[in-house]
Amino acid sequence: MALRLNNVSVRIANHVLIPPLDLAVNPGEIVTIMGPSGSGKSTLLAYIGGTMGRPFEGSGHVFCGRHEITGLPPERRRIGMLFQDDLLFPHLSVGGNIAFGVPANIQGQKRKQRIDDALADSGLAGFADRDPGSLSGGQRARVALLRTLLSEPEALLLDEPFGKLDTTLREGFRRFVFSRARARELPVLLVTHDCSDAEAAGGPILEINQTETGTVIETAAPIAGVPESTPS
């Protein structure tokens, strides 16, 4: 199902960060929003995910498929989010962190099997009992994505999740994220200020620009390159 924004805008006090925006992100499509720090990219994702707080204000309608989710609490929106920080729970094992995302109605051996299968798919077979603190940055990032995907989201928001990784890890983790999202036909909205992320995504690009008359969002020309879709 598609993720759709209808006349969504974000502001702080009397300053408009994101002017009214209409956008449709189709299943399996990755749309990139680019702009400098402080342009409102992350705040837009927070509005979509239902986590935006004061002093920001938002308006407009958010839909997942045919259902409007604008007024729902975050836990009922079925929106997965990844950030620069992996936000793993230090008091839980790797398996415990991933289990946090598995729906509560999946229990027992079926729950364990789902966790083990996810770890094997990501090259982390046998890591369930490991301490998250013993993992590399790339491994931690993969665990964070697995936790998100096992929560069965209907759309995925990416808030510069590759920003803290070095070049090699960044390329590999991008392939991992994009391939899994496309395989599940999730609509993906990525915010970044890095052109290499937009090139790897291979989808439409929107740019947030400041003009003399205010903030505008413009469609940018596609960046040459082949979308990263091969699992690493």
C-alpha atoms as a PDB file:
ATOM      1  CA  MET A   1       0.000   0.000   0.000  1.00  0.00           C
ATOM      2  CA  ALA A   2       1.115   3.570  -0.639  1.00  0.00           C
ATOM      3  CA  LEU A   3       2.088   6.211   1.903  1.00  0.00           C
ATOM      4  CA  ARG A   4       0.334   9.471   1.017  1.00  0.00           C
ATOM      5  CA  LEU A   5       0.656  13.004   2.347  1.00  0.00           C
ATOM      6  CA  ASN A   6      -2.179  15.432   1.664  1.00  0.00           C
ATOM      7  CA  ASN A   7      -1.411  19.123   2.240  1.00  0.00           C
ATOM      8  CA  VAL A   8       1.050  18.340   5.045  1.00  0.00           C
ATOM      9  CA  SER A   9       2.980  21.298   6.457  1.00  0.00           C
ATOM     10  CA  VAL A  10       5.271  21.865   9.439  1.00  0.00           C
ATOM     11  CA  ARG A  11       6.058  25.127  11.214  1.00  0.00           C
ATOM     12  CA  ILE A  12       7.639  26.517  14.354  1.00  0.00           C
ATOM     13  CA  ALA A  13       6.131  29.715  15.770  1.00  0.00           C
ATOM     14  CA  ASN A  14       5.421  31.823  12.682  1.00  0.00           C
ATOM     15  CA  HIS A  15       8.139  30.219  10.571  1.00  0.00           C
ATOM     16  CA  VAL A  16       7.120  27.641   7.949  1.00  0.00           C
ATOM     17  CA  LEU A  17       9.636  24.789   7.765  1.00  0.00           C
ATOM     18  CA  ILE A  18       7.741  22.565   5.344  1.00  0.00           C
ATOM     19  CA  PRO A  19       5.182  24.302   3.093  1.00  0.00           C
ATOM     20  CA  PRO A  20       2.020  22.376   2.134  1.00  0.00           C
ATOM     21  CA  LEU A  21       3.175  19.123   0.558  1.00  0.00           C
ATOM     22  CA  ASP A  22       1.274  16.510  -1.435  1.00  0.00           C
ATOM     23  CA  LEU A  23       3.229  13.306  -1.925  1.00  0.00           C
ATOM     24  CA  ALA A  24       2.567   9.658  -2.755  1.00  0.00           C
ATOM     25  CA  VAL A  25       5.194   6.994  -2.063  1.00  0.00           C
ATOM     26  CA  ASN A  26       4.270   3.757  -3.812  1.00  0.00           C
ATOM     27  CA  PRO A  27       4.934   0.228  -2.520  1.00  0.00           C
ATOM     28  CA  GLY A  28       8.600  -0.640  -2.966  1.00  0.00           C
ATOM     29  CA  GLU A  29       9.491   2.952  -3.900  1.00  0.00           C
ATOM     30  CA  ILE A  30      12.110   5.034  -2.094  1.00  0.00           C
ATOM     31  CA  VAL A  31      11.513   8.794  -2.165  1.00  0.00           C
ATOM     32  CA  THR A  32      14.358  10.983  -0.930  1.00  0.00           C
ATOM     33  CA  ILE A  33      13.921  14.403   0.664  1.00  0.00           C
ATOM     34  CA  MET A  34      17.118  16.441   0.695  1.00  0.00           C
ATOM     35  CA  GLY A  35      17.894  19.662   2.476  1.00  0.00           C
ATOM     36  CA  PRO A  36      20.366  21.281   4.851  1.00  0.00           C
ATOM     37  CA  SER A  37      20.377  20.728   8.609  1.00  0.00           C
ATOM     38  CA  GLY A  38      17.500  22.582  10.257  1.00  0.00           C
ATOM     39  CA  SER A  39      15.330  22.572   7.140  1.00  0.00           C
ATOM     40  CA  GLY A  40      12.605  20.458   8.757  1.00  0.00           C
ATOM     41  CA  LYS A  41      13.322  17.073   7.176  1.00  0.00           C
ATOM     42  CA  SER A  42      13.367  15.111  10.428  1.00  0.00           C
ATOM     43  CA  THR A  43      10.423  17.074  11.820  1.00  0.00           C
ATOM     44  CA  LEU A  44       8.378  16.053   8.772  1.00  0.00           C
ATOM     45  CA  LEU A  45       9.120  12.398   9.503  1.00  0.00           C
ATOM     46  CA  ALA A  46       8.140  12.926  13.137  1.00  0.00           C
ATOM     47  CA  TYR A  47       4.791  14.333  11.997  1.00  0.00           C
ATOM     48  CA  ILE A  48       4.196  11.332   9.742  1.00  0.00           C
ATOM     49  CA  GLY A  49       5.174   8.909  12.501  1.00  0.00           C
ATOM     50  CA  GLY A  50       3.137  10.684  15.171  1.00  0.00           C
ATOM     51  CA  THR A  51       6.079  11.644  17.394  1.00  0.00           C
ATOM     52  CA  MET A  52       6.339  15.368  16.696  1.00  0.00           C
ATOM     53  CA  GLY A  53       6.132  17.542  19.802  1.00  0.00           C
ATOM     54  CA  ARG A  54       6.363  21.153  20.870  1.00  0.00           C
ATOM     55  CA  PRO A  55       7.420  23.713  19.817  1.00  0.00           C
ATOM     56  CA  PHE A  56       6.685  22.336  16.327  1.00  0.00           C
ATOM     57  CA  GLU A  57       3.212  22.315  14.829  1.00  0.00           C
ATOM     58  CA  GLY A  58       1.941  20.358  11.879  1.00  0.00           C
ATOM     59  CA  SER A  59      -1.177  20.096   9.763  1.00  0.00           C
ATOM     60  CA  GLY A  60      -2.458  18.015   6.885  1.00  0.00           C
ATOM     61  CA  HIS A  61      -3.417  14.380   6.405  1.00  0.00           C
ATOM     62  CA  VAL A  62      -1.337  11.195   6.342  1.00  0.00           C
ATOM     63  CA  PHE A  63      -2.659   7.994   4.766  1.00  0.00           C
ATOM     64  CA  CYS A  64      -1.372   4.416   4.650  1.00  0.00           C
ATOM     65  CA  GLY A  65      -3.291   2.779   1.857  1.00  0.00           C
ATOM     66  CA  ARG A  66      -6.920   3.783   2.230  1.00  0.00           C
ATOM     67  CA  HIS A  67      -6.671   4.492   5.946  1.00  0.00           C
ATOM     68  CA  GLU A  68      -5.969   7.903   7.403  1.00  0.00           C
ATOM     69  CA  ILE A  69      -3.525   7.638  10.301  1.00  0.00           C
ATOM     70  CA  THR A  70      -3.076  11.339  11.125  1.00  0.00           C
ATOM     71  CA  GLY A  71      -4.876  11.213  14.461  1.00  0.00           C
ATOM     72  CA  LEU A  72      -3.577   7.831  15.634  1.00  0.00           C
ATOM     73  CA  PRO A  73      -0.924   7.371  18.342  1.00  0.00           C
ATOM     74  CA  PRO A  74       2.491   6.250  17.034  1.00  0.00           C
ATOM     75  CA  GLU A  75       2.060   2.616  18.086  1.00  0.00           C
ATOM     76  CA  ARG A  76      -1.078   2.269  15.948  1.00  0.00           C
ATOM     77  CA  ARG A  77       0.271   3.851  12.775  1.00  0.00           C
ATOM     78  CA  ARG A  78       2.275   0.802  11.615  1.00  0.00           C
ATOM     79  CA  ILE A  79       5.123   3.101  10.591  1.00  0.00           C
ATOM     80  CA  GLY A  80       8.689   1.844  11.044  1.00  0.00           C
ATOM     81  CA  MET A  81      11.495   4.333  11.706  1.00  0.00           C
ATOM     82  CA  LEU A  82      15.282   4.131  11.569  1.00  0.00           C
ATOM     83  CA  PHE A  83      17.547   6.863  12.924  1.00  0.00           C
ATOM     84  CA  GLN A  84      21.270   7.695  12.900  1.00  0.00           C
ATOM     85  CA  ASP A  85      21.525   6.062  16.343  1.00  0.00           C
ATOM     86  CA  ASP A  86      20.520   2.395  16.450  1.00  0.00           C
ATOM     87  CA  LEU A  87      18.726   2.840  19.825  1.00  0.00           C
ATOM     88  CA  LEU A  88      19.326  -0.762  20.906  1.00  0.00           C
ATOM     89  CA  PHE A  89      18.422  -1.607  24.500  1.00  0.00           C
ATOM     90  CA  PRO A  90      21.706  -2.231  26.385  1.00  0.00           C
ATOM     91  CA  HIS A  91      20.038  -4.438  29.016  1.00  0.00           C
ATOM     92  CA  LEU A  92      18.695  -6.880  26.396  1.00  0.00           C
ATOM     93  CA  SER A  93      20.535  -9.410  24.273  1.00  0.00           C
ATOM     94  CA  VAL A  94      20.568  -9.149  20.482  1.00  0.00           C
ATOM     95  CA  GLY A  95      17.684 -11.617  20.365  1.00  0.00           C
ATOM     96  CA  GLY A  96      15.854  -9.680  23.061  1.00  0.00           C
ATOM     97  CA  ASN A  97      16.187  -6.476  21.095  1.00  0.00           C
ATOM     98  CA  ILE A  98      14.796  -8.096  17.964  1.00  0.00           C
ATOM     99  CA  ALA A  99      12.014  -9.788  19.951  1.00  0.00           C
ATOM    100  CA  PHE A 100      10.862  -6.351  21.069  1.00  0.00           C
ATOM    101  CA  GLY A 101       9.617  -5.772  17.521  1.00  0.00           C
ATOM    102  CA  VAL A 102       7.798  -9.097  17.073  1.00  0.00           C
ATOM    103  CA  PRO A 103       4.007  -8.777  17.480  1.00  0.00           C
ATOM    104  CA  ALA A 104       2.804  -9.945  20.900  1.00  0.00           C
ATOM    105  CA  ASN A 105       0.467 -12.560  19.402  1.00  0.00           C
ATOM    106  CA  ILE A 106       3.464 -14.532  18.073  1.00  0.00           C
ATOM    107  CA  GLN A 107       4.748 -16.639  20.952  1.00  0.00           C
ATOM    108  CA  GLY A 108       6.812 -19.685  21.816  1.00  0.00           C
ATOM    109  CA  GLN A 109       8.818 -21.566  19.208  1.00  0.00           C
ATOM    110  CA  LYS A 110       7.282 -19.574  16.368  1.00  0.00           C
ATOM    111  CA  ARG A 111       8.582 -16.358  17.952  1.00  0.00           C
ATOM    112  CA  LYS A 112      12.073 -17.823  18.416  1.00  0.00           C
ATOM    113  CA  GLN A 113      12.109 -19.142  14.864  1.00  0.00           C
ATOM    114  CA  ARG A 114      11.187 -15.758  13.464  1.00  0.00           C
ATOM    115  CA  ILE A 115      14.094 -14.163  15.344  1.00  0.00           C
ATOM    116  CA  ASP A 116      16.558 -16.877  14.288  1.00  0.00           C
ATOM    117  CA  ASP A 117      15.460 -16.650  10.647  1.00  0.00           C
ATOM    118  CA  ALA A 118      15.908 -12.857  10.653  1.00  0.00           C
ATOM    119  CA  LEU A 119      19.403 -13.162  12.110  1.00  0.00           C
ATOM    120  CA  ALA A 120      20.380 -15.816   9.564  1.00  0.00           C
ATOM    121  CA  ASP A 121      19.047 -13.676   6.705  1.00  0.00           C
ATOM    122  CA  SER A 122      21.242 -10.799   7.824  1.00  0.00           C
ATOM    123  CA  GLY A 123      24.452 -12.773   8.308  1.00  0.00           C
ATOM    124  CA  LEU A 124      24.118 -12.804  12.107  1.00  0.00           C
ATOM    125  CA  ALA A 125      23.194 -16.437  12.713  1.00  0.00           C
ATOM    126  CA  GLY A 126      23.997 -17.469  16.284  1.00  0.00           C
ATOM    127  CA  PHE A 127      24.078 -13.889  17.589  1.00  0.00           C
ATOM    128  CA  ALA A 128      20.815 -14.095  19.581  1.00  0.00           C
ATOM    129  CA  ASP A 129      22.530 -14.351  22.974  1.00  0.00           C
ATOM    130  CA  ARG A 130      25.199 -11.737  22.247  1.00  0.00           C
ATOM    131  CA  ASP A 131      25.442  -8.453  24.145  1.00  0.00           C
ATOM    132  CA  PRO A 132      24.642  -5.536  21.760  1.00  0.00           C
ATOM    133  CA  GLY A 133      27.732  -3.770  23.122  1.00  0.00           C
ATOM    134  CA  SER A 134      29.918  -6.480  21.575  1.00  0.00           C
ATOM    135  CA  LEU A 135      28.686  -5.771  18.031  1.00  0.00           C
ATOM    136  CA  SER A 136      30.280  -3.599  15.373  1.00  0.00           C
ATOM    137  CA  GLY A 137      28.497  -0.485  14.140  1.00  0.00           C
ATOM    138  CA  GLY A 138      27.297  -2.251  11.012  1.00  0.00           C
ATOM    139  CA  GLN A 139      26.014  -5.243  12.982  1.00  0.00           C
ATOM    140  CA  ARG A 140      24.155  -2.988  15.409  1.00  0.00           C
ATOM    141  CA  ALA A 141      22.558  -1.161  12.490  1.00  0.00           C
ATOM    142  CA  ARG A 142      21.342  -4.456  11.040  1.00  0.00           C
ATOM    143  CA  VAL A 143      19.831  -5.518  14.365  1.00  0.00           C
ATOM    144  CA  ALA A 144      17.967  -2.191  14.554  1.00  0.00           C
ATOM    145  CA  LEU A 145      16.536  -2.751  11.070  1.00  0.00           C
ATOM    146  CA  LEU A 146      15.517  -6.340  11.873  1.00  0.00           C
ATOM    147  CA  ARG A 147      13.678  -5.149  14.979  1.00  0.00           C
ATOM    148  CA  THR A 148      11.828  -2.596  12.851  1.00  0.00           C
ATOM    149  CA  LEU A 149      10.950  -5.004  10.028  1.00  0.00           C
ATOM    150  CA  LEU A 150       9.720  -7.732  12.391  1.00  0.00           C
ATOM    151  CA  SER A 151       7.186  -5.268  13.791  1.00  0.00           C
ATOM    152  CA  GLU A 152       5.481  -5.651  10.367  1.00  0.00           C
ATOM    153  CA  PRO A 153       5.326  -1.955   9.400  1.00  0.00           C
ATOM    154  CA  GLU A 154       3.306  -0.786   6.438  1.00  0.00           C
ATOM    155  CA  ALA A 155       5.766   2.032   5.605  1.00  0.00           C
ATOM    156  CA  LEU A 156       9.350   2.875   6.506  1.00  0.00           C
ATOM    157  CA  LEU A 157      10.825   6.269   7.446  1.00  0.00           C
ATOM    158  CA  LEU A 158      14.608   6.687   7.318  1.00  0.00           C
ATOM    159  CA  ASP A 159      16.078   9.604   9.247  1.00  0.00           C
ATOM    160  CA  GLU A 160      19.673   9.641   7.962  1.00  0.00           C
ATOM    161  CA  PRO A 161      20.330   6.113   9.307  1.00  0.00           C
ATOM    162  CA  PHE A 162      23.588   5.821   7.333  1.00  0.00           C
ATOM    163  CA  GLY A 163      25.126   9.065   8.581  1.00  0.00           C
ATOM    164  CA  LYS A 164      27.359   7.657  11.337  1.00  0.00           C
ATOM    165  CA  LEU A 165      28.770   4.749   9.334  1.00  0.00           C
ATOM    166  CA  ASP A 166      32.061   4.853   7.468  1.00  0.00           C
ATOM    167  CA  THR A 167      32.021   4.600   3.672  1.00  0.00           C
ATOM    168  CA  THR A 168      32.283   0.808   3.413  1.00  0.00           C
ATOM    169  CA  LEU A 169      29.696   0.103   6.105  1.00  0.00           C
ATOM    170  CA  ARG A 170      27.440   2.807   4.699  1.00  0.00           C
ATOM    171  CA  GLU A 171      27.300   1.249   1.241  1.00  0.00           C
ATOM    172  CA  GLY A 172      26.674  -2.234   2.598  1.00  0.00           C
ATOM    173  CA  PHE A 173      23.974  -1.175   5.044  1.00  0.00           C
ATOM    174  CA  ARG A 174      22.197   0.895   2.386  1.00  0.00           C
ATOM    175  CA  ARG A 175      22.006  -2.172   0.150  1.00  0.00           C
ATOM    176  CA  PHE A 176      20.717  -4.191   3.084  1.00  0.00           C
ATOM    177  CA  VAL A 177      17.997  -1.671   3.984  1.00  0.00           C
ATOM    178  CA  PHE A 178      16.836  -0.945   0.449  1.00  0.00           C
ATOM    179  CA  SER A 179      16.735  -4.594  -0.641  1.00  0.00           C
ATOM    180  CA  ARG A 180      14.690  -5.656   2.396  1.00  0.00           C
ATOM    181  CA  ALA A 181      12.282  -2.745   2.006  1.00  0.00           C
ATOM    182  CA  ARG A 182      11.732  -3.468  -1.688  1.00  0.00           C
ATOM    183  CA  ALA A 183      11.287  -7.198  -1.044  1.00  0.00           C
ATOM    184  CA  ARG A 184       8.475  -6.346   1.378  1.00  0.00           C
ATOM    185  CA  GLU A 185       7.059  -3.715  -1.016  1.00  0.00           C
ATOM    186  CA  LEU A 186       7.233  -1.041   1.667  1.00  0.00           C
ATOM    187  CA  PRO A 187       6.900   2.621   0.715  1.00  0.00           C
ATOM    188  CA  VAL A 188      10.063   4.313   2.005  1.00  0.00           C
ATOM    189  CA  LEU A 189      10.680   7.992   2.751  1.00  0.00           C
ATOM    190  CA  LEU A 190      14.361   8.845   3.248  1.00  0.00           C
ATOM    191  CA  VAL A 191      15.665  12.187   4.486  1.00  0.00           C
ATOM    192  CA  THR A 192      19.314  13.035   3.982  1.00  0.00           C
ATOM    193  CA  HIS A 193      21.741  15.742   2.943  1.00  0.00           C
ATOM    194  CA  ASP A 194      24.076  13.226   1.262  1.00  0.00           C
ATOM    195  CA  CYS A 195      23.810  12.880  -2.518  1.00  0.00           C
ATOM    196  CA  SER A 196      25.226   9.339  -2.403  1.00  0.00           C
ATOM    197  CA  ASP A 197      22.203   8.203  -0.360  1.00  0.00           C
ATOM    198  CA  ALA A 198      19.827   9.656  -2.956  1.00  0.00           C
ATOM    199  CA  GLU A 199      21.797   8.060  -5.788  1.00  0.00           C
ATOM    200  CA  ALA A 200      21.704   4.665  -4.084  1.00  0.00           C
ATOM    201  CA  ALA A 201      17.947   4.945  -3.449  1.00  0.00           C
ATOM    202  CA  GLY A 202      17.324   5.430  -7.150  1.00  0.00           C
ATOM    203  CA  GLY A 203      13.895   7.007  -6.691  1.00  0.00           C
ATOM    204  CA  PRO A 204      12.297  10.468  -6.879  1.00  0.00           C
ATOM    205  CA  ILE A 205      14.103  13.288  -5.089  1.00  0.00           C
ATOM    206  CA  LEU A 206      12.576  16.356  -3.438  1.00  0.00           C
ATOM    207  CA  GLU A 207      14.775  19.272  -2.397  1.00  0.00           C
ATOM    208  CA  ILE A 208      13.967  21.762   0.372  1.00  0.00           C
ATOM    209  CA  ASN A 209      15.257  25.190  -0.657  1.00  0.00           C
ATOM    210  CA  GLN A 210      15.117  28.646   0.881  1.00  0.00           C
ATOM    211  CA  THR A 211      14.158  31.481  -1.468  1.00  0.00           C
ATOM    212  CA  GLU A 212      13.515  35.196  -1.010  1.00  0.00           C
ATOM    213  CA  THR A 213       9.804  34.445  -0.700  1.00  0.00           C
ATOM    214  CA  GLY A 214      10.165  31.530   1.720  1.00  0.00           C
ATOM    215  CA  THR A 215      10.716  27.769   1.745  1.00  0.00           C
ATOM    216  CA  VAL A 216       9.929  25.753  -1.375  1.00  0.00           C
ATOM    217  CA  ILE A 217      10.080  22.035  -2.100  1.00  0.00           C
ATOM    218  CA  GLU A 218      11.141  21.245  -5.632  1.00  0.00           C
ATOM    219  CA  THR A 219      11.491  18.031  -7.601  1.00  0.00           C
ATOM    220  CA  ALA A 220      15.147  17.442  -8.361  1.00  0.00           C
ATOM    221  CA  ALA A 221      16.564  15.735 -11.423  1.00  0.00           C
ATOM    222  CA  PRO A 222      17.364  12.062 -10.764  1.00  0.00           C
ATOM    223  CA  ILE A 223      20.979  11.436  -9.829  1.00  0.00           C
ATOM    224  CA  ALA A 224      22.732   9.134 -12.285  1.00  0.00           C
ATOM    225  CA  GLY A 225      23.455   5.714 -10.899  1.00  0.00           C
ATOM    226  CA  VAL A 226      22.047   2.246 -10.319  1.00  0.00           C
ATOM    227  CA  PRO A 227      19.757   1.738  -7.317  1.00  0.00           C
ATOM    228  CA  GLU A 228      21.318  -0.387  -4.615  1.00  0.00           C
ATOM    229  CA  SER A 229      19.104  -3.437  -4.392  1.00  0.00           C
ATOM    230  CA  THR A 230      21.428  -6.434  -4.091  1.00  0.00           C
ATOM    231  CA  PRO A 231      21.586  -7.891  -0.575  1.00  0.00           C
ATOM    232  CA  SER A 232      25.024  -7.627   0.961  1.00  0.00           C
END
